[in-house]
Amino acid sequence: MDNFGPVILIEVVLIFGGVLLFVWWQLRDLKKEREKGLKKKAQDERQD
């Protein structure tokens, strides 16, 4: 096993993909929370 290039490339792709997946998940979660907050704020304004 003298050539580690392909193994390193696969690891880099997996790590980069994992980071992108994590960022996408966090942004999706933030969007949901923001929408939930706006909905609650609108509901509170209607009750007043």
PDB file of N, CA and C in Angstrom:
ATOM      1  N   MET A   1       0.858  -1.186   0.000  1.00  0.00           N
ATOM      2  CA  MET A   1       0.000   0.000   0.000  1.00  0.00           C
ATOM      3  C   MET A   1       0.896   1.238   0.000  1.00  0.00           C
ATOM      4  N   ASP A   2       1.533   1.478  -1.121  1.00  0.00           N
ATOM      5  CA  ASP A   2       2.442   2.616  -1.234  1.00  0.00           C
ATOM      6  C   ASP A   2       1.728   3.900  -1.658  1.00  0.00           C
ATOM      7  N   ASN A   3       0.595   3.757  -2.327  1.00  0.00           N
ATOM      8  CA  ASN A   3      -0.092   4.931  -2.851  1.00  0.00           C
ATOM      9  C   ASN A   3      -1.352   5.192  -2.022  1.00  0.00           C
ATOM     10  N   PHE A   4      -1.305   6.255  -1.203  1.00  0.00           N
ATOM     11  CA  PHE A   4      -2.437   6.595  -0.340  1.00  0.00           C
ATOM     12  C   PHE A   4      -3.322   7.682  -0.956  1.00  0.00           C
ATOM     13  N   GLY A   5      -3.051   8.104  -2.172  1.00  0.00           N
ATOM     14  CA  GLY A   5      -3.811   9.179  -2.822  1.00  0.00           C
ATOM     15  C   GLY A   5      -5.301   8.922  -2.892  1.00  0.00           C
ATOM     16  N   PRO A   6      -5.730   7.789  -3.415  1.00  0.00           N
ATOM     17  CA  PRO A   6      -7.176   7.548  -3.505  1.00  0.00           C
ATOM     18  C   PRO A   6      -7.872   7.495  -2.141  1.00  0.00           C
ATOM     19  N   VAL A   7      -7.208   6.936  -1.153  1.00  0.00           N
ATOM     20  CA  VAL A   7      -7.802   6.866   0.184  1.00  0.00           C
ATOM     21  C   VAL A   7      -7.964   8.268   0.753  1.00  0.00           C
ATOM     22  N   ILE A   8      -6.956   9.096   0.597  1.00  0.00           N
ATOM     23  CA  ILE A   8      -7.019  10.476   1.084  1.00  0.00           C
ATOM     24  C   ILE A   8      -8.110  11.239   0.342  1.00  0.00           C
ATOM     25  N   LEU A   9      -8.213  11.045  -0.960  1.00  0.00           N
ATOM     26  CA  LEU A   9      -9.239  11.719  -1.755  1.00  0.00           C
ATOM     27  C   LEU A   9     -10.638  11.311  -1.294  1.00  0.00           C
ATOM     28  N   ILE A  10     -10.843  10.033  -1.052  1.00  0.00           N
ATOM     29  CA  ILE A  10     -12.150   9.563  -0.574  1.00  0.00           C
ATOM     30  C   ILE A  10     -12.474  10.174   0.786  1.00  0.00           C
ATOM     31  N   GLU A  11     -11.506  10.223   1.675  1.00  0.00           N
ATOM     32  CA  GLU A  11     -11.740  10.824   2.996  1.00  0.00           C
ATOM     33  C   GLU A  11     -12.074  12.306   2.889  1.00  0.00           C
ATOM     34  N   VAL A  12     -11.363  13.013   2.031  1.00  0.00           N
ATOM     35  CA  VAL A  12     -11.632  14.451   1.847  1.00  0.00           C
ATOM     36  C   VAL A  12     -13.046  14.654   1.314  1.00  0.00           C
ATOM     37  N   VAL A  13     -13.450  13.851   0.340  1.00  0.00           N
ATOM     38  CA  VAL A  13     -14.796  13.974  -0.222  1.00  0.00           C
ATOM     39  C   VAL A  13     -15.846  13.672   0.844  1.00  0.00           C
ATOM     40  N   LEU A  14     -15.629  12.628   1.640  1.00  0.00           N
ATOM     41  CA  LEU A  14     -16.591  12.285   2.691  1.00  0.00           C
ATOM     42  C   LEU A  14     -16.679  13.382   3.752  1.00  0.00           C
ATOM     43  N   ILE A  15     -15.547  13.923   4.155  1.00  0.00           N
ATOM     44  CA  ILE A  15     -15.547  14.984   5.163  1.00  0.00           C
ATOM     45  C   ILE A  15     -16.217  16.244   4.617  1.00  0.00           C
ATOM     46  N   PHE A  16     -15.858  16.633   3.386  1.00  0.00           N
ATOM     47  CA  PHE A  16     -16.450  17.825   2.773  1.00  0.00           C
ATOM     48  C   PHE A  16     -17.960  17.643   2.613  1.00  0.00           C
ATOM     49  N   GLY A  17     -18.381  16.455   2.174  1.00  0.00           N
ATOM     50  CA  GLY A  17     -19.806  16.177   2.041  1.00  0.00           C
ATOM     51  C   GLY A  17     -20.512  16.222   3.386  1.00  0.00           C
ATOM     52  N   GLY A  18     -19.872  15.701   4.410  1.00  0.00           N
ATOM     53  CA  GLY A  18     -20.456  15.749   5.746  1.00  0.00           C
ATOM     54  C   GLY A  18     -20.617  17.171   6.259  1.00  0.00           C
ATOM     55  N   VAL A  19     -19.626  17.995   5.992  1.00  0.00           N
ATOM     56  CA  VAL A  19     -19.710  19.399   6.409  1.00  0.00           C
ATOM     57  C   VAL A  19     -20.840  20.104   5.660  1.00  0.00           C
ATOM     58  N   LEU A  20     -20.936  19.874   4.350  1.00  0.00           N
ATOM     59  CA  LEU A  20     -22.017  20.487   3.581  1.00  0.00           C
ATOM     60  C   LEU A  20     -23.382  20.025   4.068  1.00  0.00           C
ATOM     61  N   LEU A  21     -23.502  18.738   4.378  1.00  0.00           N
ATOM     62  CA  LEU A  21     -24.758  18.209   4.895  1.00  0.00           C
ATOM     63  C   LEU A  21     -25.107  18.849   6.236  1.00  0.00           C
ATOM     64  N   PHE A  22     -24.116  19.002   7.100  1.00  0.00           N
ATOM     65  CA  PHE A  22     -24.345  19.623   8.404  1.00  0.00           C
ATOM     66  C   PHE A  22     -24.792  21.085   8.258  1.00  0.00           C
ATOM     67  N   VAL A  23     -24.141  21.828   7.368  1.00  0.00           N
ATOM     68  CA  VAL A  23     -24.506  23.234   7.150  1.00  0.00           C
ATOM     69  C   VAL A  23     -25.927  23.325   6.604  1.00  0.00           C
ATOM     70  N   TRP A  24     -26.255  22.459   5.632  1.00  0.00           N
ATOM     71  CA  TRP A  24     -27.602  22.464   5.070  1.00  0.00           C
ATOM     72  C   TRP A  24     -28.639  22.177   6.155  1.00  0.00           C
ATOM     73  N   TRP A  25     -28.346  21.190   7.012  1.00  0.00           N
ATOM     74  CA  TRP A  25     -29.267  20.814   8.076  1.00  0.00           C
ATOM     75  C   TRP A  25     -29.491  21.979   9.050  1.00  0.00           C
ATOM     76  N   GLN A  26     -28.411  22.659   9.416  1.00  0.00           N
ATOM     77  CA  GLN A  26     -28.525  23.778  10.353  1.00  0.00           C
ATOM     78  C   GLN A  26     -29.311  24.939   9.749  1.00  0.00           C
ATOM     79  N   LEU A  27     -29.055  25.256   8.480  1.00  0.00           N
ATOM     80  CA  LEU A  27     -29.788  26.345   7.830  1.00  0.00           C
ATOM     81  C   LEU A  27     -31.270  26.005   7.708  1.00  0.00           C
ATOM     82  N   ARG A  28     -31.563  24.735   7.424  1.00  0.00           N
ATOM     83  CA  ARG A  28     -32.954  24.285   7.342  1.00  0.00           C
ATOM     84  C   ARG A  28     -33.633  24.432   8.701  1.00  0.00           C
ATOM     85  N   ASP A  29     -32.932  24.061   9.760  1.00  0.00           N
ATOM     86  CA  ASP A  29     -33.471  24.163  11.111  1.00  0.00           C
ATOM     87  C   ASP A  29     -33.704  25.629  11.493  1.00  0.00           C
ATOM     88  N   LEU A  30     -32.763  26.492  11.143  1.00  0.00           N
ATOM     89  CA  LEU A  30     -32.934  27.917  11.435  1.00  0.00           C
ATOM     90  C   LEU A  30     -34.148  28.492  10.710  1.00  0.00           C
ATOM     91  N   LYS A  31     -34.340  28.087   9.464  1.00  0.00           N
ATOM     92  CA  LYS A  31     -35.489  28.565   8.693  1.00  0.00           C
ATOM     93  C   LYS A  31     -36.791  28.129   9.345  1.00  0.00           C
ATOM     94  N   LYS A  32     -36.853  26.861   9.797  1.00  0.00           N
ATOM     95  CA  LYS A  32     -38.055  26.371  10.469  1.00  0.00           C
ATOM     96  C   LYS A  32     -38.325  27.154  11.751  1.00  0.00           C
ATOM     97  N   GLU A  33     -37.285  27.377  12.543  1.00  0.00           N
ATOM     98  CA  GLU A  33     -37.458  28.121  13.798  1.00  0.00           C
ATOM     99  C   GLU A  33     -37.904  29.558  13.537  1.00  0.00           C
ATOM    100  N   ARG A  34     -37.342  30.183  12.516  1.00  0.00           N
ATOM    101  CA  ARG A  34     -37.717  31.549  12.167  1.00  0.00           C
ATOM    102  C   ARG A  34     -39.192  31.606  11.753  1.00  0.00           C
ATOM    103  N   GLU A  35     -39.624  30.644  10.933  1.00  0.00           N
ATOM    104  CA  GLU A  35     -41.022  30.606  10.510  1.00  0.00           C
ATOM    105  C   GLU A  35     -41.947  30.350  11.687  1.00  0.00           C
ATOM    106  N   LYS A  36     -41.523  29.480  12.598  1.00  0.00           N
ATOM    107  CA  LYS A  36     -42.331  29.195  13.780  1.00  0.00           C
ATOM    108  C   LYS A  36     -42.469  30.449  14.639  1.00  0.00           C
ATOM    109  N   GLY A  37     -41.383  31.196  14.787  1.00  0.00           N
ATOM    110  CA  GLY A  37     -41.426  32.433  15.566  1.00  0.00           C
ATOM    111  C   GLY A  37     -42.321  33.484  14.936  1.00  0.00           C
ATOM    112  N   LEU A  38     -42.264  33.604  13.613  1.00  0.00           N
ATOM    113  CA  LEU A  38     -43.125  34.567  12.932  1.00  0.00           C
ATOM    114  C   LEU A  38     -44.592  34.184  13.055  1.00  0.00           C
ATOM    115  N   LYS A  39     -44.867  32.885  12.966  1.00  0.00           N
ATOM    116  CA  LYS A  39     -46.247  32.410  13.093  1.00  0.00           C
ATOM    117  C   LYS A  39     -46.771  32.683  14.497  1.00  0.00           C
ATOM    118  N   LYS A  40     -45.934  32.438  15.495  1.00  0.00           N
ATOM    119  CA  LYS A  40     -46.353  32.680  16.883  1.00  0.00           C
ATOM    120  C   LYS A  40     -46.559  34.170  17.127  1.00  0.00           C
ATOM    121  N   LYS A  41     -45.685  34.989  16.559  1.00  0.00           N
ATOM    122  CA  LYS A  41     -45.816  36.443  16.720  1.00  0.00           C
ATOM    123  C   LYS A  41     -47.109  36.932  16.076  1.00  0.00           C
ATOM    124  N   ALA A  42     -47.440  36.431  14.900  1.00  0.00           N
ATOM    125  CA  ALA A  42     -48.675  36.819  14.224  1.00  0.00           C
ATOM    126  C   ALA A  42     -49.888  36.361  15.028  1.00  0.00           C
ATOM    127  N   GLN A  43     -49.816  35.165  15.614  1.00  0.00           N
ATOM    128  CA  GLN A  43     -50.922  34.659  16.418  1.00  0.00           C
ATOM    129  C   GLN A  43     -51.108  35.511  17.672  1.00  0.00           C
ATOM    130  N   ASP A  44     -50.001  35.908  18.298  1.00  0.00           N
ATOM    131  CA  ASP A  44     -50.095  36.762  19.489  1.00  0.00           C
ATOM    132  C   ASP A  44     -50.687  38.117  19.151  1.00  0.00           C
ATOM    133  N   GLU A  45     -50.340  38.650  17.990  1.00  0.00           N
ATOM    134  CA  GLU A  45     -50.887  39.966  17.588  1.00  0.00           C
ATOM    135  C   GLU A  45     -52.389  39.868  17.324  1.00  0.00           C
ATOM    136  N   ARG A  46     -52.847  38.736  16.778  1.00  0.00           N
ATOM    137  CA  ARG A  46     -54.270  38.567  16.512  1.00  0.00           C
ATOM    138  C   ARG A  46     -55.060  38.465  17.817  1.00  0.00           C
ATOM    139  N   GLN A  47     -54.451  37.910  18.859  1.00  0.00           N
ATOM    140  CA  GLN A  47     -55.161  37.751  20.132  1.00  0.00           C
ATOM    141  C   GLN A  47     -55.286  39.073  20.879  1.00  0.00           C
ATOM    142  N   ASP A  48     -54.384  40.010  20.616  1.00  0.00           N
ATOM    143  CA  ASP A  48     -54.418  41.298  21.347  1.00  0.00           C
ATOM    144  C   ASP A  48     -55.484  42.219  20.844  1.00  0.00           C
TER     145      ASP A  48
END
